[in-house]
Amino acid sequence: PNYTHFKNELYDALYKQSFTETNTKKRVLLYTKMDSLVMS
């Protein structure tokens, strides 16, 4: 579903990390950080 072909190494690393983060608050912070990277 990546229709924009957006590519960012830090984003990819955070995305992978979010799958293994079991702490809900920490995972939500990762989500916000990734979203912020996209908007920047």
Full PDB file with SEQRES, HELIX, SHEET, SSBOND, CRYST1, ORIGX, SCALE, CONECT and MASTER records, all heavy atoms in Angstrom:
SEQRES   1 A   40  PRO ASN TYR THR HIS PHE LYS ASN GLU LEU TYR ASP ALA          
SEQRES   2 A   40  LEU TYR LYS GLN SER PHE THR GLU THR ASN THR LYS LYS          
SEQRES   3 A   40  ARG VAL LEU LEU TYR THR LYS MET ASP SER LEU VAL MET          
SEQRES   4 A   40  SER                                                          
HELIX    1 AA1 GLU A    9  THR A   20  1                                  12    
HELIX    2 AA2 THR A   24  MET A   39  1                                  16    
CRYST1    1.000    1.000    1.000  90.00  90.00  90.00 P 1           1          
ORIGX1      1.000000  0.000000  0.000000        0.00000                         
ORIGX2      0.000000  1.000000  0.000000        0.00000                         
ORIGX3      0.000000  0.000000  1.000000        0.00000                         
SCALE1      1.000000  0.000000  0.000000        0.00000                         
SCALE2      0.000000  1.000000  0.000000        0.00000                         
SCALE3      0.000000  0.000000  1.000000        0.00000                         
ATOM      1  N   PRO A   1       0.785  -1.238   0.000  1.00  0.00           N  
ATOM      2  CA  PRO A   1       0.000   0.000   0.000  1.00  0.00           C  
ATOM      3  C   PRO A   1       0.820   1.293   0.000  1.00  0.00           C  
ATOM      4  O   PRO A   1       0.253   2.368   0.165  1.00  0.00           O  
ATOM      5  CB  PRO A   1      -0.801  -0.125   1.303  1.00  0.00           C  
ATOM      6  CG  PRO A   1       0.117  -0.873   2.221  1.00  0.00           C  
ATOM      7  CD  PRO A   1       0.873  -1.838   1.338  1.00  0.00           C  
ATOM      8  N   ASN A   2       2.161   1.197  -0.170  1.00  0.00           N  
ATOM      9  CA  ASN A   2       2.979   2.413  -0.194  1.00  0.00           C  
ATOM     10  C   ASN A   2       2.909   3.032  -1.593  1.00  0.00           C  
ATOM     11  O   ASN A   2       3.804   2.867  -2.424  1.00  0.00           O  
ATOM     12  CB  ASN A   2       4.425   2.102   0.193  1.00  0.00           C  
ATOM     13  CG  ASN A   2       5.282   3.356   0.351  1.00  0.00           C  
ATOM     14  OD1 ASN A   2       4.923   4.422  -0.099  1.00  0.00           O  
ATOM     15  ND2 ASN A   2       6.431   3.197   0.995  1.00  0.00           N  
ATOM     16  N   TYR A   3       1.827   3.761  -1.849  1.00  0.00           N  
ATOM     17  CA  TYR A   3       1.585   4.346  -3.175  1.00  0.00           C  
ATOM     18  C   TYR A   3       2.494   5.533  -3.466  1.00  0.00           C  
ATOM     19  O   TYR A   3       2.693   5.892  -4.619  1.00  0.00           O  
ATOM     20  CB  TYR A   3       0.115   4.777  -3.293  1.00  0.00           C  
ATOM     21  CG  TYR A   3      -0.861   3.637  -3.143  1.00  0.00           C  
ATOM     22  CD1 TYR A   3      -1.656   3.526  -2.007  1.00  0.00           C  
ATOM     23  CD2 TYR A   3      -0.977   2.655  -4.125  1.00  0.00           C  
ATOM     24  CE1 TYR A   3      -2.552   2.472  -1.850  1.00  0.00           C  
ATOM     25  CE2 TYR A   3      -1.864   1.601  -3.984  1.00  0.00           C  
ATOM     26  CZ  TYR A   3      -2.649   1.518  -2.844  1.00  0.00           C  
ATOM     27  OH  TYR A   3      -3.532   0.468  -2.692  1.00  0.00           O  
ATOM     28  N   THR A   4       3.029   6.163  -2.430  1.00  0.00           N  
ATOM     29  CA  THR A   4       3.888   7.335  -2.620  1.00  0.00           C  
ATOM     30  C   THR A   4       5.337   6.942  -2.919  1.00  0.00           C  
ATOM     31  O   THR A   4       6.113   7.761  -3.385  1.00  0.00           O  
ATOM     32  CB  THR A   4       3.892   8.220  -1.371  1.00  0.00           C  
ATOM     33  OG1 THR A   4       4.438   7.478  -0.271  1.00  0.00           O  
ATOM     34  CG2 THR A   4       2.487   8.696  -1.025  1.00  0.00           C  
ATOM     35  N   HIS A   5       5.706   5.678  -2.633  1.00  0.00           N  
ATOM     36  CA  HIS A   5       7.099   5.210  -2.709  1.00  0.00           C  
ATOM     37  C   HIS A   5       7.997   6.033  -1.777  1.00  0.00           C  
ATOM     38  O   HIS A   5       9.178   6.261  -2.067  1.00  0.00           O  
ATOM     39  CB  HIS A   5       7.624   5.237  -4.146  1.00  0.00           C  
ATOM     40  CG  HIS A   5       7.177   4.048  -4.948  1.00  0.00           C  
ATOM     41  ND1 HIS A   5       7.878   3.540  -6.007  1.00  0.00           N  
ATOM     42  CD2 HIS A   5       6.085   3.247  -4.834  1.00  0.00           C  
ATOM     43  CE1 HIS A   5       7.246   2.493  -6.522  1.00  0.00           C  
ATOM     44  NE2 HIS A   5       6.144   2.309  -5.813  1.00  0.00           N  
ATOM     45  N   PHE A   6       7.434   6.439  -0.649  1.00  0.00           N  
ATOM     46  CA  PHE A   6       8.204   7.111   0.395  1.00  0.00           C  
ATOM     47  C   PHE A   6       9.202   6.120   0.984  1.00  0.00           C  
ATOM     48  O   PHE A   6       8.869   4.972   1.266  1.00  0.00           O  
ATOM     49  CB  PHE A   6       7.262   7.623   1.485  1.00  0.00           C  
ATOM     50  CG  PHE A   6       7.951   8.196   2.687  1.00  0.00           C  
ATOM     51  CD1 PHE A   6       8.469   9.484   2.650  1.00  0.00           C  
ATOM     52  CD2 PHE A   6       8.082   7.460   3.859  1.00  0.00           C  
ATOM     53  CE1 PHE A   6       9.099  10.031   3.762  1.00  0.00           C  
ATOM     54  CE2 PHE A   6       8.705   7.986   4.980  1.00  0.00           C  
ATOM     55  CZ  PHE A   6       9.217   9.285   4.935  1.00  0.00           C  
ATOM     56  N   LYS A   7      10.447   6.586   1.187  1.00  0.00           N  
ATOM     57  CA  LYS A   7      11.484   5.721   1.756  1.00  0.00           C  
ATOM     58  C   LYS A   7      12.338   6.526   2.720  1.00  0.00           C  
ATOM     59  O   LYS A   7      12.864   7.588   2.369  1.00  0.00           O  
ATOM     60  CB  LYS A   7      12.356   5.116   0.658  1.00  0.00           C  
ATOM     61  CG  LYS A   7      13.368   4.086   1.173  1.00  0.00           C  
ATOM     62  CD  LYS A   7      14.103   3.410   0.024  1.00  0.00           C  
ATOM     63  CE  LYS A   7      15.048   2.330   0.562  1.00  0.00           C  
ATOM     64  NZ  LYS A   7      15.746   1.622  -0.526  1.00  0.00           N  
ATOM     65  N   ASN A   8      12.468   6.014   3.953  1.00  0.00           N  
ATOM     66  CA  ASN A   8      13.253   6.676   4.974  1.00  0.00           C  
ATOM     67  C   ASN A   8      13.792   5.598   5.917  1.00  0.00           C  
ATOM     68  O   ASN A   8      13.007   4.842   6.501  1.00  0.00           O  
ATOM     69  CB  ASN A   8      12.385   7.695   5.721  1.00  0.00           C  
ATOM     70  CG  ASN A   8      13.141   8.464   6.779  1.00  0.00           C  
ATOM     71  OD1 ASN A   8      13.462   7.925   7.832  1.00  0.00           O  
ATOM     72  ND2 ASN A   8      13.405   9.735   6.507  1.00  0.00           N  
ATOM     73  N   GLU A   9      15.098   5.517   6.065  1.00  0.00           N  
ATOM     74  CA  GLU A   9      15.716   4.442   6.850  1.00  0.00           C  
ATOM     75  C   GLU A   9      15.296   4.492   8.311  1.00  0.00           C  
ATOM     76  O   GLU A   9      15.030   3.447   8.928  1.00  0.00           O  
ATOM     77  CB  GLU A   9      17.240   4.514   6.728  1.00  0.00           C  
ATOM     78  CG  GLU A   9      17.758   4.097   5.361  1.00  0.00           C  
ATOM     79  CD  GLU A   9      19.277   4.056   5.297  1.00  0.00           C  
ATOM     80  OE1 GLU A   9      19.917   4.258   6.355  1.00  0.00           O  
ATOM     81  OE2 GLU A   9      19.814   3.816   4.207  1.00  0.00           O  
ATOM     82  N   LEU A  10      15.244   5.700   8.898  1.00  0.00           N  
ATOM     83  CA  LEU A  10      14.831   5.817  10.298  1.00  0.00           C  
ATOM     84  C   LEU A  10      13.383   5.380  10.461  1.00  0.00           C  
ATOM     85  O   LEU A  10      13.049   4.673  11.412  1.00  0.00           O  
ATOM     86  CB  LEU A  10      15.002   7.267  10.780  1.00  0.00           C  
ATOM     87  CG  LEU A  10      14.520   7.558  12.217  1.00  0.00           C  
ATOM     88  CD1 LEU A  10      15.222   6.655  13.223  1.00  0.00           C  
ATOM     89  CD2 LEU A  10      14.732   9.039  12.555  1.00  0.00           C  
ATOM     90  N   TYR A  11      12.550   5.774   9.515  1.00  0.00           N  
ATOM     91  CA  TYR A  11      11.139   5.372   9.563  1.00  0.00           C  
ATOM     92  C   TYR A  11      11.024   3.847   9.533  1.00  0.00           C  
ATOM     93  O   TYR A  11      10.283   3.252  10.330  1.00  0.00           O  
ATOM     94  CB  TYR A  11      10.383   5.981   8.386  1.00  0.00           C  
ATOM     95  CG  TYR A  11       8.890   5.693   8.421  1.00  0.00           C  
ATOM     96  CD1 TYR A  11       8.008   6.605   8.976  1.00  0.00           C  
ATOM     97  CD2 TYR A  11       8.365   4.501   7.911  1.00  0.00           C  
ATOM     98  CE1 TYR A  11       6.649   6.360   9.027  1.00  0.00           C  
ATOM     99  CE2 TYR A  11       7.005   4.239   7.958  1.00  0.00           C  
ATOM    100  CZ  TYR A  11       6.157   5.172   8.514  1.00  0.00           C  
ATOM    101  OH  TYR A  11       4.815   4.896   8.569  1.00  0.00           O  
ATOM    102  N   ASP A  12      11.738   3.216   8.630  1.00  0.00           N  
ATOM    103  CA  ASP A  12      11.681   1.755   8.510  1.00  0.00           C  
ATOM    104  C   ASP A  12      12.102   1.081   9.808  1.00  0.00           C  
ATOM    105  O   ASP A  12      11.501   0.090  10.243  1.00  0.00           O  
ATOM    106  CB  ASP A  12      12.567   1.275   7.363  1.00  0.00           C  
ATOM    107  CG  ASP A  12      11.967   1.573   5.998  1.00  0.00           C  
ATOM    108  OD1 ASP A  12      10.808   2.027   5.944  1.00  0.00           O  
ATOM    109  OD2 ASP A  12      12.663   1.350   4.986  1.00  0.00           O  
ATOM    110  N   ALA A  13      13.145   1.618  10.444  1.00  0.00           N  
ATOM    111  CA  ALA A  13      13.638   1.040  11.703  1.00  0.00           C  
ATOM    112  C   ALA A  13      12.590   1.179  12.804  1.00  0.00           C  
ATOM    113  O   ALA A  13      12.347   0.236  13.577  1.00  0.00           O  
ATOM    114  CB  ALA A  13      14.941   1.722  12.111  1.00  0.00           C  
ATOM    115  N   LEU A  14      11.945   2.341  12.889  1.00  0.00           N  
ATOM    116  CA  LEU A  14      10.912   2.558  13.898  1.00  0.00           C  
ATOM    117  C   LEU A  14       9.693   1.688  13.630  1.00  0.00           C  
ATOM    118  O   LEU A  14       9.060   1.183  14.565  1.00  0.00           O  
ATOM    119  CB  LEU A  14      10.501   4.042  13.911  1.00  0.00           C  
ATOM    120  CG  LEU A  14      11.565   5.036  14.381  1.00  0.00           C  
ATOM    121  CD1 LEU A  14      11.078   6.462  14.167  1.00  0.00           C  
ATOM    122  CD2 LEU A  14      11.919   4.800  15.841  1.00  0.00           C  
ATOM    123  N   TYR A  15       9.364   1.509  12.359  1.00  0.00           N  
ATOM    124  CA  TYR A  15       8.221   0.680  11.978  1.00  0.00           C  
ATOM    125  C   TYR A  15       8.443  -0.764  12.435  1.00  0.00           C  
ATOM    126  O   TYR A  15       7.548  -1.384  13.025  1.00  0.00           O  
ATOM    127  CB  TYR A  15       8.027   0.743  10.469  1.00  0.00           C  
ATOM    128  CG  TYR A  15       6.826  -0.028   9.957  1.00  0.00           C  
ATOM    129  CD1 TYR A  15       5.542   0.483  10.096  1.00  0.00           C  
ATOM    130  CD2 TYR A  15       6.987  -1.260   9.328  1.00  0.00           C  
ATOM    131  CE1 TYR A  15       4.441  -0.206   9.627  1.00  0.00           C  
ATOM    132  CE2 TYR A  15       5.886  -1.963   8.852  1.00  0.00           C  
ATOM    133  CZ  TYR A  15       4.621  -1.439   9.004  1.00  0.00           C  
ATOM    134  OH  TYR A  15       3.533  -2.132   8.542  1.00  0.00           O  
ATOM    135  N   LYS A  16       9.627  -1.293  12.187  1.00  0.00           N  
ATOM    136  CA  LYS A  16       9.948  -2.657  12.622  1.00  0.00           C  
ATOM    137  C   LYS A  16       9.928  -2.753  14.146  1.00  0.00           C  
ATOM    138  O   LYS A  16       9.446  -3.739  14.715  1.00  0.00           O  
ATOM    139  CB  LYS A  16      11.311  -3.063  12.087  1.00  0.00           C  
ATOM    140  CG  LYS A  16      11.359  -3.276  10.578  1.00  0.00           C  
ATOM    141  CD  LYS A  16      12.772  -3.609  10.118  1.00  0.00           C  
ATOM    142  CE  LYS A  16      12.851  -3.776   8.616  1.00  0.00           C  
ATOM    143  NZ  LYS A  16      14.252  -4.020   8.153  1.00  0.00           N  
ATOM    144  N   GLN A  17      10.443  -1.717  14.811  1.00  0.00           N  
ATOM    145  CA  GLN A  17      10.484  -1.711  16.272  1.00  0.00           C  
ATOM    146  C   GLN A  17       9.081  -1.743  16.871  1.00  0.00           C  
ATOM    147  O   GLN A  17       8.854  -2.369  17.919  1.00  0.00           O  
ATOM    148  CB  GLN A  17      11.236  -0.463  16.758  1.00  0.00           C  
ATOM    149  CG  GLN A  17      11.428  -0.405  18.276  1.00  0.00           C  
ATOM    150  CD  GLN A  17      12.128   0.877  18.701  1.00  0.00           C  
ATOM    151  OE1 GLN A  17      12.760   1.574  17.889  1.00  0.00           O  
ATOM    152  NE2 GLN A  17      12.007   1.223  19.974  1.00  0.00           N  
ATOM    153  N   SER A  18       8.136  -1.092  16.211  1.00  0.00           N  
ATOM    154  CA  SER A  18       6.772  -1.016  16.745  1.00  0.00           C  
ATOM    155  C   SER A  18       6.105  -2.382  16.839  1.00  0.00           C  
ATOM    156  O   SER A  18       5.196  -2.572  17.645  1.00  0.00           O  
ATOM    157  CB  SER A  18       5.917  -0.073  15.883  1.00  0.00           C  
ATOM    158  OG  SER A  18       5.630  -0.636  14.616  1.00  0.00           O  
ATOM    159  N   PHE A  19       6.548  -3.332  16.023  1.00  0.00           N  
ATOM    160  CA  PHE A  19       5.958  -4.670  16.062  1.00  0.00           C  
ATOM    161  C   PHE A  19       6.393  -5.469  17.284  1.00  0.00           C  
ATOM    162  O   PHE A  19       5.697  -6.391  17.708  1.00  0.00           O  
ATOM    163  CB  PHE A  19       6.322  -5.442  14.791  1.00  0.00           C  
ATOM    164  CG  PHE A  19       5.492  -5.066  13.598  1.00  0.00           C  
ATOM    165  CD1 PHE A  19       5.931  -4.107  12.711  1.00  0.00           C  
ATOM    166  CD2 PHE A  19       4.261  -5.645  13.373  1.00  0.00           C  
ATOM    167  CE1 PHE A  19       5.175  -3.738  11.619  1.00  0.00           C  
ATOM    168  CE2 PHE A  19       3.488  -5.290  12.289  1.00  0.00           C  
ATOM    169  CZ  PHE A  19       3.943  -4.329  11.412  1.00  0.00           C  
ATOM    170  N   THR A  20       7.536  -5.116  17.825  1.00  0.00           N  
ATOM    171  CA  THR A  20       8.065  -5.875  18.972  1.00  0.00           C  
ATOM    172  C   THR A  20       7.880  -5.141  20.290  1.00  0.00           C  
ATOM    173  O   THR A  20       8.138  -5.711  21.347  1.00  0.00           O  
ATOM    174  CB  THR A  20       9.557  -6.181  18.760  1.00  0.00           C  
ATOM    175  OG1 THR A  20      10.275  -4.955  18.578  1.00  0.00           O  
ATOM    176  CG2 THR A  20       9.756  -7.060  17.538  1.00  0.00           C  
ATOM    177  N   GLU A  21       7.435  -3.894  20.238  1.00  0.00           N  
ATOM    178  CA  GLU A  21       7.232  -3.112  21.461  1.00  0.00           C  
ATOM    179  C   GLU A  21       5.896  -3.500  22.108  1.00  0.00           C  
ATOM    180  O   GLU A  21       4.834  -3.252  21.553  1.00  0.00           O  
ATOM    181  CB  GLU A  21       7.250  -1.613  21.147  1.00  0.00           C  
ATOM    182  CG  GLU A  21       7.050  -0.715  22.359  1.00  0.00           C  
ATOM    183  CD  GLU A  21       8.059  -0.994  23.459  1.00  0.00           C  
ATOM    184  OE1 GLU A  21       9.255  -0.675  23.261  1.00  0.00           O  
ATOM    185  OE2 GLU A  21       7.640  -1.563  24.503  1.00  0.00           O  
ATOM    186  N   THR A  22       5.973  -4.109  23.272  1.00  0.00           N  
ATOM    187  CA  THR A  22       4.765  -4.587  23.951  1.00  0.00           C  
ATOM    188  C   THR A  22       4.197  -3.565  24.927  1.00  0.00           C  
ATOM    189  O   THR A  22       3.060  -3.691  25.367  1.00  0.00           O  
ATOM    190  CB  THR A  22       5.043  -5.895  24.702  1.00  0.00           C  
ATOM    191  OG1 THR A  22       6.136  -5.696  25.611  1.00  0.00           O  
ATOM    192  CG2 THR A  22       5.410  -7.009  23.728  1.00  0.00           C  
ATOM    193  N   ASN A  23       4.991  -2.542  25.282  1.00  0.00           N  
ATOM    194  CA  ASN A  23       4.499  -1.483  26.154  1.00  0.00           C  
ATOM    195  C   ASN A  23       3.638  -0.522  25.336  1.00  0.00           C  
ATOM    196  O   ASN A  23       4.110   0.109  24.390  1.00  0.00           O  
ATOM    197  CB  ASN A  23       5.682  -0.739  26.789  1.00  0.00           C  
ATOM    198  CG  ASN A  23       5.224   0.349  27.760  1.00  0.00           C  
ATOM    199  OD1 ASN A  23       4.708   1.377  27.352  1.00  0.00           O  
ATOM    200  ND2 ASN A  23       5.419   0.103  29.045  1.00  0.00           N  
ATOM    201  N   THR A  24       2.367  -0.410  25.692  1.00  0.00           N  
ATOM    202  CA  THR A  24       1.414   0.356  24.886  1.00  0.00           C  
ATOM    203  C   THR A  24       1.820   1.815  24.738  1.00  0.00           C  
ATOM    204  O   THR A  24       1.785   2.377  23.636  1.00  0.00           O  
ATOM    205  CB  THR A  24       0.002   0.278  25.512  1.00  0.00           C  
ATOM    206  OG1 THR A  24      -0.387  -1.092  25.590  1.00  0.00           O  
ATOM    207  CG2 THR A  24      -1.003   1.039  24.666  1.00  0.00           C  
ATOM    208  N   LYS A  25       2.227   2.461  25.838  1.00  0.00           N  
ATOM    209  CA  LYS A  25       2.579   3.882  25.780  1.00  0.00           C  
ATOM    210  C   LYS A  25       3.802   4.113  24.895  1.00  0.00           C  
ATOM    211  O   LYS A  25       3.849   5.072  24.119  1.00  0.00           O  
ATOM    212  CB  LYS A  25       2.834   4.413  27.189  1.00  0.00           C  
ATOM    213  CG  LYS A  25       1.571   4.527  28.036  1.00  0.00           C  
ATOM    214  CD  LYS A  25       1.867   5.142  29.393  1.00  0.00           C  
ATOM    215  CE  LYS A  25       0.588   5.291  30.213  1.00  0.00           C  
ATOM    216  NZ  LYS A  25       0.858   5.887  31.559  1.00  0.00           N  
ATOM    217  N   LYS A  26       4.789   3.233  24.997  1.00  0.00           N  
ATOM    218  CA  LYS A  26       5.995   3.372  24.178  1.00  0.00           C  
ATOM    219  C   LYS A  26       5.669   3.148  22.697  1.00  0.00           C  
ATOM    220  O   LYS A  26       6.229   3.801  21.824  1.00  0.00           O  
ATOM    221  CB  LYS A  26       7.074   2.388  24.641  1.00  0.00           C  
ATOM    222  CG  LYS A  26       7.684   2.738  25.995  1.00  0.00           C  
ATOM    223  CD  LYS A  26       8.761   1.728  26.384  1.00  0.00           C  
ATOM    224  CE  LYS A  26       9.392   2.087  27.724  1.00  0.00           C  
ATOM    225  NZ  LYS A  26      10.433   1.106  28.129  1.00  0.00           N  
ATOM    226  N   ARG A  27       4.759   2.193  22.431  1.00  0.00           N  
ATOM    227  CA  ARG A  27       4.388   1.918  21.049  1.00  0.00           C  
ATOM    228  C   ARG A  27       3.650   3.115  20.435  1.00  0.00           C  
ATOM    229  O   ARG A  27       3.901   3.481  19.282  1.00  0.00           O  
ATOM    230  CB  ARG A  27       3.513   0.667  20.974  1.00  0.00           C  
ATOM    231  CG  ARG A  27       3.327   0.139  19.548  1.00  0.00           C  
ATOM    232  CD  ARG A  27       2.689  -1.230  19.511  1.00  0.00           C  
ATOM    233  NE  ARG A  27       1.312  -1.235  19.923  1.00  0.00           N  
ATOM    234  CZ  ARG A  27       0.866  -1.690  21.092  1.00  0.00           C  
ATOM    235  NH1 ARG A  27       1.721  -2.191  21.962  1.00  0.00           N  
ATOM    236  NH2 ARG A  27      -0.418  -1.671  21.387  1.00  0.00           N  
ATOM    237  N   VAL A  28       2.797   3.761  21.218  1.00  0.00           N  
ATOM    238  CA  VAL A  28       2.076   4.938  20.734  1.00  0.00           C  
ATOM    239  C   VAL A  28       3.045   6.081  20.432  1.00  0.00           C  
ATOM    240  O   VAL A  28       2.886   6.808  19.449  1.00  0.00           O  
ATOM    241  CB  VAL A  28       1.006   5.380  21.751  1.00  0.00           C  
ATOM    242  CG1 VAL A  28       0.433   6.747  21.396  1.00  0.00           C  
ATOM    243  CG2 VAL A  28      -0.124   4.351  21.806  1.00  0.00           C  
ATOM    244  N   LEU A  29       4.056   6.234  21.262  1.00  0.00           N  
ATOM    245  CA  LEU A  29       5.077   7.261  21.008  1.00  0.00           C  
ATOM    246  C   LEU A  29       5.820   6.983  19.706  1.00  0.00           C  
ATOM    247  O   LEU A  29       6.154   7.918  18.954  1.00  0.00           O  
ATOM    248  CB  LEU A  29       6.062   7.329  22.173  1.00  0.00           C  
ATOM    249  CG  LEU A  29       5.534   7.935  23.478  1.00  0.00           C  
ATOM    250  CD1 LEU A  29       6.581   7.823  24.588  1.00  0.00           C  
ATOM    251  CD2 LEU A  29       5.157   9.415  23.276  1.00  0.00           C  
ATOM    252  N   LEU A  30       6.081   5.709  19.429  1.00  0.00           N  
ATOM    253  CA  LEU A  30       6.711   5.337  18.160  1.00  0.00           C  
ATOM    254  C   LEU A  30       5.816   5.709  16.985  1.00  0.00           C  
ATOM    255  O   LEU A  30       6.287   6.208  15.957  1.00  0.00           O  
ATOM    256  CB  LEU A  30       7.020   3.833  18.134  1.00  0.00           C  
ATOM    257  CG  LEU A  30       8.181   3.335  18.982  1.00  0.00           C  
ATOM    258  CD1 LEU A  30       8.231   1.801  18.962  1.00  0.00           C  
ATOM    259  CD2 LEU A  30       9.507   3.897  18.477  1.00  0.00           C  
ATOM    260  N   TYR A  31       4.512   5.460  17.130  1.00  0.00           N  
ATOM    261  CA  TYR A  31       3.560   5.796  16.080  1.00  0.00           C  
ATOM    262  C   TYR A  31       3.606   7.298  15.768  1.00  0.00           C  
ATOM    263  O   TYR A  31       3.656   7.717  14.604  1.00  0.00           O  
ATOM    264  CB  TYR A  31       2.138   5.424  16.492  1.00  0.00           C  
ATOM    265  CG  TYR A  31       1.848   3.937  16.596  1.00  0.00           C  
ATOM    266  CD1 TYR A  31       0.695   3.493  17.235  1.00  0.00           C  
ATOM    267  CD2 TYR A  31       2.708   2.993  16.047  1.00  0.00           C  
ATOM    268  CE1 TYR A  31       0.397   2.134  17.322  1.00  0.00           C  
ATOM    269  CE2 TYR A  31       2.424   1.639  16.135  1.00  0.00           C  
ATOM    270  CZ  TYR A  31       1.270   1.214  16.779  1.00  0.00           C  
ATOM    271  OH  TYR A  31       0.987  -0.121  16.859  1.00  0.00           O  
ATOM    272  N   THR A  32       3.582   8.120  16.819  1.00  0.00           N  
ATOM    273  CA  THR A  32       3.599   9.575  16.635  1.00  0.00           C  
ATOM    274  C   THR A  32       4.899  10.029  15.982  1.00  0.00           C  
ATOM    275  O   THR A  32       4.896  10.914  15.110  1.00  0.00           O  
ATOM    276  CB  THR A  32       3.405  10.289  17.985  1.00  0.00           C  
ATOM    277  OG1 THR A  32       2.193   9.845  18.589  1.00  0.00           O  
ATOM    278  CG2 THR A  32       3.353  11.798  17.800  1.00  0.00           C  
ATOM    279  N   LYS A  33       6.005   9.425  16.396  1.00  0.00           N  
ATOM    280  CA  LYS A  33       7.311   9.793  15.823  1.00  0.00           C  
ATOM    281  C   LYS A  33       7.360   9.448  14.338  1.00  0.00           C  
ATOM    282  O   LYS A  33       7.862  10.229  13.522  1.00  0.00           O  
ATOM    283  CB  LYS A  33       8.436   9.077  16.577  1.00  0.00           C  
ATOM    284  CG  LYS A  33       9.827   9.583  16.235  1.00  0.00           C  
ATOM    285  CD  LYS A  33      10.870   8.982  17.159  1.00  0.00           C  
ATOM    286  CE  LYS A  33      12.259   9.549  16.860  1.00  0.00           C  
ATOM    287  NZ  LYS A  33      13.291   8.989  17.787  1.00  0.00           N  
ATOM    288  N   MET A  34       6.822   8.296  13.975  1.00  0.00           N  
ATOM    289  CA  MET A  34       6.789   7.912  12.560  1.00  0.00           C  
ATOM    290  C   MET A  34       5.900   8.859  11.752  1.00  0.00           C  
ATOM    291  O   MET A  34       6.265   9.293  10.657  1.00  0.00           O  
ATOM    292  CB  MET A  34       6.273   6.467  12.419  1.00  0.00           C  
ATOM    293  CG  MET A  34       7.303   5.406  12.738  1.00  0.00           C  
ATOM    294  SD  MET A  34       6.685   3.735  12.368  1.00  0.00           S  
ATOM    295  CE  MET A  34       5.755   3.400  13.840  1.00  0.00           C  
ATOM    296  N   ASP A  35       4.750   9.195  12.311  1.00  0.00           N  
ATOM    297  CA  ASP A  35       3.833  10.095  11.621  1.00  0.00           C  
ATOM    298  C   ASP A  35       4.486  11.468  11.434  1.00  0.00           C  
ATOM    299  O   ASP A  35       4.339  12.112  10.389  1.00  0.00           O  
ATOM    300  CB  ASP A  35       2.541  10.226  12.429  1.00  0.00           C  
ATOM    301  CG  ASP A  35       1.348  10.638  11.574  1.00  0.00           C  
ATOM    302  OD1 ASP A  35       1.469  10.606  10.337  1.00  0.00           O  
ATOM    303  OD2 ASP A  35       0.297  10.970  12.153  1.00  0.00           O  
ATOM    304  N   SER A  36       5.221  11.901  12.438  1.00  0.00           N  
ATOM    305  CA  SER A  36       5.920  13.185  12.365  1.00  0.00           C  
ATOM    306  C   SER A  36       6.994  13.169  11.278  1.00  0.00           C  
ATOM    307  O   SER A  36       7.184  14.161  10.563  1.00  0.00           O  
ATOM    308  CB  SER A  36       6.547  13.510  13.728  1.00  0.00           C  
ATOM    309  OG  SER A  36       7.205  14.754  13.688  1.00  0.00           O  
ATOM    310  N   LEU A  37       7.673  12.045  11.136  1.00  0.00           N  
ATOM    311  CA  LEU A  37       8.689  11.902  10.075  1.00  0.00           C  
ATOM    312  C   LEU A  37       8.055  12.035   8.690  1.00  0.00           C  
ATOM    313  O   LEU A  37       8.599  12.696   7.807  1.00  0.00           O  
ATOM    314  CB  LEU A  37       9.383  10.540  10.192  1.00  0.00           C  
ATOM    315  CG  LEU A  37      10.646  10.443  11.035  1.00  0.00           C  
ATOM    316  CD1 LEU A  37      11.097   8.990  11.145  1.00  0.00           C  
ATOM    317  CD2 LEU A  37      11.765  11.289  10.433  1.00  0.00           C  
ATOM    318  N   VAL A  38       6.902  11.395   8.520  1.00  0.00           N  
ATOM    319  CA  VAL A  38       6.197  11.491   7.243  1.00  0.00           C  
ATOM    320  C   VAL A  38       5.841  12.939   6.943  1.00  0.00           C  
ATOM    321  O   VAL A  38       6.084  13.451   5.843  1.00  0.00           O  
ATOM    322  CB  VAL A  38       4.915  10.619   7.250  1.00  0.00           C  
ATOM    323  CG1 VAL A  38       4.066  10.892   6.022  1.00  0.00           C  
ATOM    324  CG2 VAL A  38       5.281   9.140   7.307  1.00  0.00           C  
ATOM    325  N   MET A  39       5.274  13.635   7.928  1.00  0.00           N  
ATOM    326  CA  MET A  39       4.853  15.010   7.701  1.00  0.00           C  
ATOM    327  C   MET A  39       6.033  15.939   7.454  1.00  0.00           C  
ATOM    328  O   MET A  39       5.915  16.922   6.708  1.00  0.00           O  
ATOM    329  CB  MET A  39       4.009  15.509   8.877  1.00  0.00           C  
ATOM    330  CG  MET A  39       2.685  14.773   9.046  1.00  0.00           C  
ATOM    331  SD  MET A  39       1.736  14.632   7.514  1.00  0.00           S  
ATOM    332  CE  MET A  39       1.475  16.353   7.111  1.00  0.00           C  
ATOM    333  N   SER A  40       7.181  15.659   8.052  1.00  0.00           N  
ATOM    334  CA  SER A  40       8.349  16.514   7.832  1.00  0.00           C  
ATOM    335  C   SER A  40       8.880  16.381   6.407  1.00  0.00           C  
ATOM    336  O   SER A  40       9.454  17.319   5.855  1.00  0.00           O  
ATOM    337  CB  SER A  40       9.454  16.179   8.842  1.00  0.00           C  
ATOM    338  OG  SER A  40       9.999  14.891   8.601  1.00  0.00           O  
TER     339      SER A  40                                                      
MASTER        0    0    0    2    0    0    0    6  338    1    0    4          
END                                                                             
